[in-house]
Amino acid sequence: MNKKGRLRKPLAGVIFLLPGFAGFCTFFIWPFCVSLYYSFLSRPVNGAFVGMKNYAEMFENLAYIKGLTNTARFIGTSVPISMAISLCIALAIRSLVSGKEFFTLIFLVPLVIPSGSMITFWKTLLARDGALNGMLHQFGIARLNWLDSGLTFWVIVAIFTWKSLGFNMVLFISGLAAIPVEYYEAARVDGARPSQAFIRITLPQLAPSFVLVLILSIVNSFKVFKEIYLITGSYPHESIYTLQHFMNNMFASLNYPKLTTATTILVAMIAALTQGLLFLERRAGASQI
């Protein structure tokens, strides 16, 4: 291939990437830069530069602190539960002799159910006079307020786990399939028990998959706001008042300094967390070489 032909391939790749890159810059990078600029002003129109004042006031705002605390609590609770259950199901499906595709498909069903239908189901099930309370009443148990009490937090954890189960399970199944069978055969020859093989072989080999699932689960945990909002509205029980509620309410009240400041802090936290997890993934991958 001559020099002209070698140059033509990279150039064609750049041309094909340009529309997507332009759209990304237009709809993501530029709006974020504008939001970052506004976070240093007293107001968007004819505002004065106030430096870090908006950021200092944000961490003195009780509603913001409540949303930040609840968001951290939700991520710290729902993500490990979802990952643990997904891994157990992936291991169970991997051990099946037949029917693997059928059971995998069953757990993937929540991914294709529209949000509106899903919310209708959960509200019908968990309403004060809903199906679940009706069943409890048959056994003499008082009706519970599932959607406006401390129980609401666990309801949202259950919804997030149910919705993300299939996606995480597929990633774990893919990671398990990449582990060489020879490792387990050598372990059996050496007399290792299944629990020892799981700890010494499965878990270390799944480290990159764990990091990937963890990153995606954290990102998806922020998306659960849609379900929370559709179920409980703008001002839910305080146990599930998240950062997205705070930002949504600031947008509704046109309080752009607080909105842009909260958005910038959230993006910075997600970026720092993601980079930290990617660093761990690289370390895990390097340790297996």
C-alpha atoms as a PDB file:
ATOM      1  CA  MET A   1       0.000   0.000   0.000  1.00  0.00           C
ATOM      2  CA  ASN A   2       1.411   3.406  -0.962  1.00  0.00           C
ATOM      3  CA  LYS A   3       1.711   6.394   1.329  1.00  0.00           C
ATOM      4  CA  LYS A   4      -1.464   8.008  -0.032  1.00  0.00           C
ATOM      5  CA  GLY A   5      -3.487   4.877   0.743  1.00  0.00           C
ATOM      6  CA  ARG A   6      -2.127   4.715   4.282  1.00  0.00           C
ATOM      7  CA  LEU A   7      -3.166   8.297   4.967  1.00  0.00           C
ATOM      8  CA  ARG A   8      -6.627   7.871   3.468  1.00  0.00           C
ATOM      9  CA  LYS A   9      -7.830   5.339   6.099  1.00  0.00           C
ATOM     10  CA  PRO A  10      -7.193   7.502   9.205  1.00  0.00           C
ATOM     11  CA  LEU A  11      -8.682  10.509   7.389  1.00  0.00           C
ATOM     12  CA  ALA A  12     -11.853   8.549   6.580  1.00  0.00           C
ATOM     13  CA  GLY A  13     -12.135   7.516  10.227  1.00  0.00           C
ATOM     14  CA  VAL A  14     -11.856  11.131  11.378  1.00  0.00           C
ATOM     15  CA  ILE A  15     -14.534  12.230   8.904  1.00  0.00           C
ATOM     16  CA  PHE A  16     -16.952   9.552  10.148  1.00  0.00           C
ATOM     17  CA  LEU A  17     -16.309  10.531  13.773  1.00  0.00           C
ATOM     18  CA  LEU A  18     -16.790  14.259  13.234  1.00  0.00           C
ATOM     19  CA  PRO A  19     -20.653  14.318  13.261  1.00  0.00           C
ATOM     20  CA  GLY A  20     -20.820  12.381  16.531  1.00  0.00           C
ATOM     21  CA  PHE A  21     -18.059  14.472  18.090  1.00  0.00           C
ATOM     22  CA  ALA A  22     -19.761  17.695  16.978  1.00  0.00           C
ATOM     23  CA  GLY A  23     -23.043  16.560  18.509  1.00  0.00           C
ATOM     24  CA  PHE A  24     -21.307  15.585  21.751  1.00  0.00           C
ATOM     25  CA  CYS A  25     -19.629  18.990  21.986  1.00  0.00           C
ATOM     26  CA  THR A  26     -22.839  20.841  21.106  1.00  0.00           C
ATOM     27  CA  PHE A  27     -25.199  19.049  23.467  1.00  0.00           C
ATOM     28  CA  PHE A  28     -22.881  18.048  26.324  1.00  0.00           C
ATOM     29  CA  ILE A  29     -19.537  19.859  26.491  1.00  0.00           C
ATOM     30  CA  TRP A  30     -20.770  23.359  25.612  1.00  0.00           C
ATOM     31  CA  PRO A  31     -23.797  23.309  27.975  1.00  0.00           C
ATOM     32  CA  PHE A  32     -21.553  22.070  30.788  1.00  0.00           C
ATOM     33  CA  CYS A  33     -19.049  24.868  30.151  1.00  0.00           C
ATOM     34  CA  VAL A  34     -21.883  27.424  30.250  1.00  0.00           C
ATOM     35  CA  SER A  35     -23.195  25.856  33.462  1.00  0.00           C
ATOM     36  CA  LEU A  36     -19.722  25.974  34.984  1.00  0.00           C
ATOM     37  CA  TYR A  37     -19.445  29.681  34.081  1.00  0.00           C
ATOM     38  CA  TYR A  38     -22.834  30.491  35.607  1.00  0.00           C
ATOM     39  CA  SER A  39     -21.871  28.765  38.865  1.00  0.00           C
ATOM     40  CA  PHE A  40     -19.424  31.604  39.537  1.00  0.00           C
ATOM     41  CA  LEU A  41     -22.020  34.359  38.993  1.00  0.00           C
ATOM     42  CA  SER A  42     -24.652  35.808  41.300  1.00  0.00           C
ATOM     43  CA  ARG A  43     -27.294  35.372  38.572  1.00  0.00           C
ATOM     44  CA  PRO A  44     -27.256  34.315  34.917  1.00  0.00           C
ATOM     45  CA  VAL A  45     -28.271  37.683  33.433  1.00  0.00           C
ATOM     46  CA  ASN A  46     -26.085  40.680  34.308  1.00  0.00           C
ATOM     47  CA  GLY A  47     -24.693  38.742  37.245  1.00  0.00           C
ATOM     48  CA  ALA A  48     -21.582  39.711  39.180  1.00  0.00           C
ATOM     49  CA  PHE A  49     -18.638  37.366  39.605  1.00  0.00           C
ATOM     50  CA  VAL A  50     -18.783  35.925  43.142  1.00  0.00           C
ATOM     51  CA  GLY A  51     -15.957  33.381  42.993  1.00  0.00           C
ATOM     52  CA  MET A  52     -16.518  30.339  45.198  1.00  0.00           C
ATOM     53  CA  LYS A  53     -19.387  31.891  47.162  1.00  0.00           C
ATOM     54  CA  ASN A  54     -22.042  29.710  45.504  1.00  0.00           C
ATOM     55  CA  TYR A  55     -20.042  26.589  46.301  1.00  0.00           C
ATOM     56  CA  ALA A  56     -19.543  27.600  49.944  1.00  0.00           C
ATOM     57  CA  GLU A  57     -23.274  28.329  50.334  1.00  0.00           C
ATOM     58  CA  MET A  58     -24.168  25.004  48.728  1.00  0.00           C
ATOM     59  CA  PHE A  59     -22.558  23.047  51.547  1.00  0.00           C
ATOM     60  CA  GLU A  60     -24.484  25.167  54.063  1.00  0.00           C
ATOM     61  CA  ASN A  61     -27.796  24.397  52.370  1.00  0.00           C
ATOM     62  CA  LEU A  62     -29.680  21.789  54.425  1.00  0.00           C
ATOM     63  CA  ALA A  63     -31.759  20.579  51.461  1.00  0.00           C
ATOM     64  CA  TYR A  64     -28.598  19.997  49.408  1.00  0.00           C
ATOM     65  CA  ILE A  65     -26.878  18.185  52.279  1.00  0.00           C
ATOM     66  CA  LYS A  66     -29.963  15.998  52.720  1.00  0.00           C
ATOM     67  CA  GLY A  67     -29.980  15.151  48.986  1.00  0.00           C
ATOM     68  CA  LEU A  68     -26.237  14.449  48.989  1.00  0.00           C
ATOM     69  CA  THR A  69     -26.482  12.224  52.074  1.00  0.00           C
ATOM     70  CA  ASN A  70     -29.469  10.280  50.735  1.00  0.00           C
ATOM     71  CA  THR A  71     -27.812   9.818  47.339  1.00  0.00           C
ATOM     72  CA  ALA A  72     -24.644   8.457  48.956  1.00  0.00           C
ATOM     73  CA  ARG A  73     -26.725   6.189  51.200  1.00  0.00           C
ATOM     74  CA  PHE A  74     -28.717   4.904  48.252  1.00  0.00           C
ATOM     75  CA  ILE A  75     -25.615   4.162  46.170  1.00  0.00           C
ATOM     76  CA  GLY A  76     -23.846   2.544  49.126  1.00  0.00           C
ATOM     77  CA  THR A  77     -26.841   0.283  49.781  1.00  0.00           C
ATOM     78  CA  SER A  78     -28.346  -0.541  46.400  1.00  0.00           C
ATOM     79  CA  VAL A  79     -25.179  -1.053  44.350  1.00  0.00           C
ATOM     80  CA  PRO A  80     -23.606  -3.777  46.567  1.00  0.00           C
ATOM     81  CA  ILE A  81     -26.972  -5.558  46.918  1.00  0.00           C
ATOM     82  CA  SER A  82     -27.555  -5.470  43.170  1.00  0.00           C
ATOM     83  CA  MET A  83     -24.036  -6.691  42.382  1.00  0.00           C
ATOM     84  CA  ALA A  84     -24.156  -9.514  44.936  1.00  0.00           C
ATOM     85  CA  ILE A  85     -27.515 -10.840  43.731  1.00  0.00           C
ATOM     86  CA  SER A  86     -26.474 -10.506  40.077  1.00  0.00           C
ATOM     87  CA  LEU A  87     -23.277 -12.478  40.701  1.00  0.00           C
ATOM     88  CA  CYS A  88     -25.175 -15.238  42.524  1.00  0.00           C
ATOM     89  CA  ILE A  89     -27.653 -15.547  39.651  1.00  0.00           C
ATOM     90  CA  ALA A  90     -24.825 -15.533  37.082  1.00  0.00           C
ATOM     91  CA  LEU A  91     -23.081 -18.356  38.956  1.00  0.00           C
ATOM     92  CA  ALA A  92     -26.355 -20.306  39.181  1.00  0.00           C
ATOM     93  CA  ILE A  93     -27.082 -19.925  35.459  1.00  0.00           C
ATOM     94  CA  ARG A  94     -23.508 -20.860  34.572  1.00  0.00           C
ATOM     95  CA  SER A  95     -23.880 -24.120  36.509  1.00  0.00           C
ATOM     96  CA  LEU A  96     -27.020 -25.155  34.613  1.00  0.00           C
ATOM     97  CA  VAL A  97     -26.719 -27.986  32.141  1.00  0.00           C
ATOM     98  CA  SER A  98     -29.652 -26.775  30.011  1.00  0.00           C
ATOM     99  CA  GLY A  99     -32.034 -23.829  29.908  1.00  0.00           C
ATOM    100  CA  LYS A 100     -29.349 -21.158  30.308  1.00  0.00           C
ATOM    101  CA  GLU A 101     -30.786 -18.987  27.521  1.00  0.00           C
ATOM    102  CA  PHE A 102     -34.320 -19.226  28.933  1.00  0.00           C
ATOM    103  CA  PHE A 103     -33.391 -18.137  32.453  1.00  0.00           C
ATOM    104  CA  THR A 104     -31.099 -15.395  31.147  1.00  0.00           C
ATOM    105  CA  LEU A 105     -33.983 -14.030  29.085  1.00  0.00           C
ATOM    106  CA  ILE A 106     -36.279 -14.001  32.123  1.00  0.00           C
ATOM    107  CA  PHE A 107     -33.915 -11.743  34.058  1.00  0.00           C
ATOM    108  CA  LEU A 108     -33.489  -9.444  31.057  1.00  0.00           C
ATOM    109  CA  VAL A 109     -37.233  -8.728  30.822  1.00  0.00           C
ATOM    110  CA  PRO A 110     -37.109  -5.665  33.185  1.00  0.00           C
ATOM    111  CA  LEU A 111     -34.757  -3.931  30.736  1.00  0.00           C
ATOM    112  CA  VAL A 112     -37.408  -3.811  28.006  1.00  0.00           C
ATOM    113  CA  ILE A 113     -40.426  -2.874  30.139  1.00  0.00           C
ATOM    114  CA  PRO A 114     -41.419   0.808  29.579  1.00  0.00           C
ATOM    115  CA  SER A 115     -41.028   3.025  32.648  1.00  0.00           C
ATOM    116  CA  GLY A 116     -44.698   4.010  32.596  1.00  0.00           C
ATOM    117  CA  SER A 117     -45.859   0.398  32.751  1.00  0.00           C
ATOM    118  CA  MET A 118     -43.324  -0.429  35.427  1.00  0.00           C
ATOM    119  CA  ILE A 119     -44.370   2.507  37.617  1.00  0.00           C
ATOM    120  CA  THR A 120     -48.039   1.601  37.231  1.00  0.00           C
ATOM    121  CA  PHE A 121     -47.249  -1.918  38.411  1.00  0.00           C
ATOM    122  CA  TRP A 122     -45.289  -0.785  41.471  1.00  0.00           C
ATOM    123  CA  LYS A 123     -47.838   1.836  42.470  1.00  0.00           C
ATOM    124  CA  THR A 124     -50.669  -0.687  42.129  1.00  0.00           C
ATOM    125  CA  LEU A 125     -48.726  -3.203  44.184  1.00  0.00           C
ATOM    126  CA  LEU A 126     -47.542  -0.837  46.936  1.00  0.00           C
ATOM    127  CA  ALA A 127     -50.383   1.679  47.292  1.00  0.00           C
ATOM    128  CA  ARG A 128     -52.109   2.059  50.661  1.00  0.00           C
ATOM    129  CA  ASP A 129     -55.005  -0.027  49.344  1.00  0.00           C
ATOM    130  CA  GLY A 130     -52.816  -1.977  46.908  1.00  0.00           C
ATOM    131  CA  ALA A 131     -52.331  -5.661  46.295  1.00  0.00           C
ATOM    132  CA  LEU A 132     -49.474  -6.162  48.779  1.00  0.00           C
ATOM    133  CA  ASN A 133     -51.311  -4.520  51.672  1.00  0.00           C
ATOM    134  CA  GLY A 134     -54.392  -6.535  50.726  1.00  0.00           C
ATOM    135  CA  MET A 135     -52.380  -9.755  51.079  1.00  0.00           C
ATOM    136  CA  LEU A 136     -50.937  -8.615  54.419  1.00  0.00           C
ATOM    137  CA  HIS A 137     -54.412  -7.730  55.654  1.00  0.00           C
ATOM    138  CA  GLN A 138     -55.528 -11.306  54.966  1.00  0.00           C
ATOM    139  CA  PHE A 139     -52.941 -12.480  57.508  1.00  0.00           C
ATOM    140  CA  GLY A 140     -53.978  -9.894  60.092  1.00  0.00           C
ATOM    141  CA  ILE A 141     -51.056  -7.521  59.438  1.00  0.00           C
ATOM    142  CA  ALA A 142     -51.811  -3.797  59.479  1.00  0.00           C
ATOM    143  CA  ARG A 143     -51.554  -1.956  56.178  1.00  0.00           C
ATOM    144  CA  LEU A 144     -48.138  -0.353  55.641  1.00  0.00           C
ATOM    145  CA  ASN A 145     -47.417   3.021  54.058  1.00  0.00           C
ATOM    146  CA  TRP A 146     -44.875   1.784  51.536  1.00  0.00           C
ATOM    147  CA  LEU A 147     -44.618   4.990  49.491  1.00  0.00           C
ATOM    148  CA  ASP A 148     -44.501   7.695  52.170  1.00  0.00           C
ATOM    149  CA  SER A 149     -42.461   6.410  55.092  1.00  0.00           C
ATOM    150  CA  GLY A 150     -39.012   5.073  55.897  1.00  0.00           C
ATOM    151  CA  LEU A 151     -39.974   1.946  53.935  1.00  0.00           C
ATOM    152  CA  THR A 152     -39.904   3.990  50.727  1.00  0.00           C
ATOM    153  CA  PHE A 153     -36.110   3.888  50.693  1.00  0.00           C
ATOM    154  CA  TRP A 154     -36.129   0.093  50.593  1.00  0.00           C
ATOM    155  CA  VAL A 155     -38.844   0.100  47.951  1.00  0.00           C
ATOM    156  CA  ILE A 156     -36.604   2.185  45.672  1.00  0.00           C
ATOM    157  CA  VAL A 157     -33.641  -0.097  46.435  1.00  0.00           C
ATOM    158  CA  ALA A 158     -35.796  -3.079  45.421  1.00  0.00           C
ATOM    159  CA  ILE A 159     -36.896  -1.357  42.193  1.00  0.00           C
ATOM    160  CA  PHE A 160     -33.308  -0.459  41.279  1.00  0.00           C
ATOM    161  CA  THR A 161     -32.091  -3.990  42.029  1.00  0.00           C
ATOM    162  CA  TRP A 162     -34.919  -5.559  40.018  1.00  0.00           C
ATOM    163  CA  LYS A 163     -34.291  -3.263  37.062  1.00  0.00           C
ATOM    164  CA  SER A 164     -30.486  -3.625  36.948  1.00  0.00           C
ATOM    165  CA  LEU A 165     -30.330  -7.339  37.757  1.00  0.00           C
ATOM    166  CA  GLY A 166     -30.362  -8.605  34.166  1.00  0.00           C
ATOM    167  CA  PHE A 167     -27.770  -6.172  32.819  1.00  0.00           C
ATOM    168  CA  ASN A 168     -25.295  -6.852  35.632  1.00  0.00           C
ATOM    169  CA  MET A 169     -25.910 -10.586  35.368  1.00  0.00           C
ATOM    170  CA  VAL A 170     -24.997 -10.621  31.659  1.00  0.00           C
ATOM    171  CA  LEU A 171     -21.734  -8.790  32.378  1.00  0.00           C
ATOM    172  CA  PHE A 172     -20.846 -11.273  35.106  1.00  0.00           C
ATOM    173  CA  ILE A 173     -21.711 -14.234  32.861  1.00  0.00           C
ATOM    174  CA  SER A 174     -19.394 -12.773  30.221  1.00  0.00           C
ATOM    175  CA  GLY A 175     -16.624 -12.413  32.800  1.00  0.00           C
ATOM    176  CA  LEU A 176     -17.131 -15.969  34.062  1.00  0.00           C
ATOM    177  CA  ALA A 177     -16.991 -17.327  30.511  1.00  0.00           C
ATOM    178  CA  ALA A 178     -13.575 -15.703  30.036  1.00  0.00           C
ATOM    179  CA  ILE A 179     -12.015 -17.633  32.946  1.00  0.00           C
ATOM    180  CA  PRO A 180     -10.031 -20.601  31.565  1.00  0.00           C
ATOM    181  CA  VAL A 181     -11.506 -23.965  32.556  1.00  0.00           C
ATOM    182  CA  GLU A 182      -7.979 -25.273  33.121  1.00  0.00           C
ATOM    183  CA  TYR A 183      -7.719 -23.185  36.292  1.00  0.00           C
ATOM    184  CA  TYR A 184     -10.626 -25.054  37.889  1.00  0.00           C
ATOM    185  CA  GLU A 185      -9.357 -28.418  36.662  1.00  0.00           C
ATOM    186  CA  ALA A 186      -5.955 -27.749  38.216  1.00  0.00           C
ATOM    187  CA  ALA A 187      -7.648 -26.696  41.464  1.00  0.00           C
ATOM    188  CA  ARG A 188      -9.652 -29.952  41.587  1.00  0.00           C
ATOM    189  CA  VAL A 189      -6.487 -31.983  40.991  1.00  0.00           C
ATOM    190  CA  ASP A 190      -4.861 -30.176  43.906  1.00  0.00           C
ATOM    191  CA  GLY A 191      -7.851 -31.014  46.109  1.00  0.00           C
ATOM    192  CA  ALA A 192      -9.302 -27.506  46.391  1.00  0.00           C
ATOM    193  CA  ARG A 193     -12.871 -27.212  47.609  1.00  0.00           C
ATOM    194  CA  PRO A 194     -15.457 -25.260  45.534  1.00  0.00           C
ATOM    195  CA  SER A 195     -15.380 -22.419  48.057  1.00  0.00           C
ATOM    196  CA  GLN A 196     -11.591 -22.207  47.780  1.00  0.00           C
ATOM    197  CA  ALA A 197     -11.778 -22.202  43.987  1.00  0.00           C
ATOM    198  CA  PHE A 198     -14.328 -19.399  44.143  1.00  0.00           C
ATOM    199  CA  ILE A 199     -12.158 -17.264  46.440  1.00  0.00           C
ATOM    200  CA  ARG A 200      -8.795 -17.996  44.817  1.00  0.00           C
ATOM    201  CA  ILE A 201      -9.815 -18.228  41.147  1.00  0.00           C
ATOM    202  CA  THR A 202     -13.260 -16.795  40.396  1.00  0.00           C
ATOM    203  CA  LEU A 203     -13.108 -13.576  42.406  1.00  0.00           C
ATOM    204  CA  PRO A 204      -9.583 -12.495  41.293  1.00  0.00           C
ATOM    205  CA  GLN A 205     -10.342 -13.307  37.647  1.00  0.00           C
ATOM    206  CA  LEU A 206     -13.603 -11.350  37.854  1.00  0.00           C
ATOM    207  CA  ALA A 207     -11.902  -8.206  39.195  1.00  0.00           C
ATOM    208  CA  PRO A 208     -12.131  -6.270  35.875  1.00  0.00           C
ATOM    209  CA  SER A 209     -15.781  -7.293  35.519  1.00  0.00           C
ATOM    210  CA  PHE A 210     -16.458  -6.200  39.100  1.00  0.00           C
ATOM    211  CA  VAL A 211     -15.043  -2.744  38.405  1.00  0.00           C
ATOM    212  CA  LEU A 212     -17.013  -2.389  35.162  1.00  0.00           C
ATOM    213  CA  VAL A 213     -20.271  -3.475  36.828  1.00  0.00           C
ATOM    214  CA  LEU A 214     -19.570  -1.154  39.749  1.00  0.00           C
ATOM    215  CA  ILE A 215     -19.048   1.872  37.479  1.00  0.00           C
ATOM    216  CA  LEU A 216     -22.162   1.170  35.431  1.00  0.00           C
ATOM    217  CA  SER A 217     -24.236   0.479  38.560  1.00  0.00           C
ATOM    218  CA  ILE A 218     -23.221   3.799  40.119  1.00  0.00           C
ATOM    219  CA  VAL A 219     -24.051   5.650  36.906  1.00  0.00           C
ATOM    220  CA  ASN A 220     -27.401   3.833  36.633  1.00  0.00           C
ATOM    221  CA  SER A 221     -28.192   4.586  40.278  1.00  0.00           C
ATOM    222  CA  PHE A 222     -28.493   8.265  39.367  1.00  0.00           C
ATOM    223  CA  LYS A 223     -31.034   7.344  36.690  1.00  0.00           C
ATOM    224  CA  VAL A 224     -33.414   5.882  39.273  1.00  0.00           C
ATOM    225  CA  PHE A 225     -34.602   9.453  39.913  1.00  0.00           C
ATOM    226  CA  LYS A 226     -37.098   8.994  37.080  1.00  0.00           C
ATOM    227  CA  GLU A 227     -38.788   6.146  38.924  1.00  0.00           C
ATOM    228  CA  ILE A 228     -38.690   8.017  42.248  1.00  0.00           C
ATOM    229  CA  TYR A 229     -40.196  11.122  40.660  1.00  0.00           C
ATOM    230  CA  LEU A 230     -42.970   9.235  38.874  1.00  0.00           C
ATOM    231  CA  ILE A 231     -43.894   7.366  42.052  1.00  0.00           C
ATOM    232  CA  THR A 232     -43.601  10.098  44.692  1.00  0.00           C
ATOM    233  CA  GLY A 233     -43.403  13.482  42.898  1.00  0.00           C
ATOM    234  CA  SER A 234     -41.125  16.490  43.480  1.00  0.00           C
ATOM    235  CA  TYR A 235     -41.196  16.324  47.281  1.00  0.00           C
ATOM    236  CA  PRO A 236     -41.021  12.658  48.352  1.00  0.00           C
ATOM    237  CA  HIS A 237     -40.385  11.231  51.792  1.00  0.00           C
ATOM    238  CA  GLU A 238     -37.155  12.679  53.169  1.00  0.00           C
ATOM    239  CA  SER A 239     -35.425   9.277  53.032  1.00  0.00           C
ATOM    240  CA  ILE A 240     -35.431   9.342  49.208  1.00  0.00           C
ATOM    241  CA  TYR A 241     -34.935  13.071  48.609  1.00  0.00           C
ATOM    242  CA  THR A 242     -31.908  12.922  46.287  1.00  0.00           C
ATOM    243  CA  LEU A 243     -29.579  15.372  44.569  1.00  0.00           C
ATOM    244  CA  GLN A 244     -31.711  15.133  41.440  1.00  0.00           C
ATOM    245  CA  HIS A 245     -34.746  16.284  43.440  1.00  0.00           C
ATOM    246  CA  PHE A 246     -32.779  19.289  44.663  1.00  0.00           C
ATOM    247  CA  MET A 247     -31.626  20.212  41.165  1.00  0.00           C
ATOM    248  CA  ASN A 248     -35.058  19.640  39.665  1.00  0.00           C
ATOM    249  CA  ASN A 249     -36.643  21.929  42.264  1.00  0.00           C
ATOM    250  CA  MET A 250     -33.986  24.609  41.694  1.00  0.00           C
ATOM    251  CA  PHE A 251     -34.764  24.475  37.983  1.00  0.00           C
ATOM    252  CA  ALA A 252     -38.500  24.801  38.663  1.00  0.00           C
ATOM    253  CA  SER A 253     -37.880  27.858  40.864  1.00  0.00           C
ATOM    254  CA  LEU A 254     -35.407  29.346  38.313  1.00  0.00           C
ATOM    255  CA  ASN A 255     -32.623  29.398  40.913  1.00  0.00           C
ATOM    256  CA  TYR A 256     -29.862  28.955  38.348  1.00  0.00           C
ATOM    257  CA  PRO A 257     -26.844  29.760  40.587  1.00  0.00           C
ATOM    258  CA  LYS A 258     -27.723  26.865  42.916  1.00  0.00           C
ATOM    259  CA  LEU A 259     -28.708  24.626  40.011  1.00  0.00           C
ATOM    260  CA  THR A 260     -25.471  25.122  38.070  1.00  0.00           C
ATOM    261  CA  THR A 261     -23.338  24.867  41.213  1.00  0.00           C
ATOM    262  CA  ALA A 262     -24.997  21.599  42.265  1.00  0.00           C
ATOM    263  CA  THR A 263     -24.605  20.243  38.725  1.00  0.00           C
ATOM    264  CA  THR A 264     -20.908  21.100  38.599  1.00  0.00           C
ATOM    265  CA  ILE A 265     -20.245  19.469  41.971  1.00  0.00           C
ATOM    266  CA  LEU A 266     -22.129  16.341  40.900  1.00  0.00           C
ATOM    267  CA  VAL A 267     -20.197  16.053  37.623  1.00  0.00           C
ATOM    268  CA  ALA A 268     -16.901  16.522  39.471  1.00  0.00           C
ATOM    269  CA  MET A 269     -17.767  13.822  42.011  1.00  0.00           C
ATOM    270  CA  ILE A 270     -18.843  11.329  39.327  1.00  0.00           C
ATOM    271  CA  ALA A 271     -15.722  12.059  37.246  1.00  0.00           C
ATOM    272  CA  ALA A 272     -13.419  11.599  40.264  1.00  0.00           C
ATOM    273  CA  LEU A 273     -15.153   8.388  41.313  1.00  0.00           C
ATOM    274  CA  THR A 274     -15.096   6.980  37.782  1.00  0.00           C
ATOM    275  CA  GLN A 275     -11.405   7.754  37.337  1.00  0.00           C
ATOM    276  CA  GLY A 276     -10.624   6.110  40.658  1.00  0.00           C
ATOM    277  CA  LEU A 277     -12.509   2.964  39.680  1.00  0.00           C
ATOM    278  CA  LEU A 278     -10.886   2.876  36.234  1.00  0.00           C
ATOM    279  CA  PHE A 279      -7.504   3.107  37.930  1.00  0.00           C
ATOM    280  CA  LEU A 280      -8.439   0.092  40.060  1.00  0.00           C
ATOM    281  CA  GLU A 281      -9.555  -1.743  36.916  1.00  0.00           C
ATOM    282  CA  ARG A 282      -6.193  -1.105  35.261  1.00  0.00           C
ATOM    283  CA  ARG A 283      -4.432  -2.338  38.390  1.00  0.00           C
ATOM    284  CA  ALA A 284      -6.589  -5.459  38.448  1.00  0.00           C
ATOM    285  CA  GLY A 285      -5.886  -6.138  34.782  1.00  0.00           C
ATOM    286  CA  ALA A 286      -2.149  -5.585  35.211  1.00  0.00           C
ATOM    287  CA  SER A 287      -1.995  -7.983  38.165  1.00  0.00           C
ATOM    288  CA  GLN A 288      -3.274 -10.808  35.933  1.00  0.00           C
ATOM    289  CA  ILE A 289      -0.624 -10.398  33.266  1.00  0.00           C
END
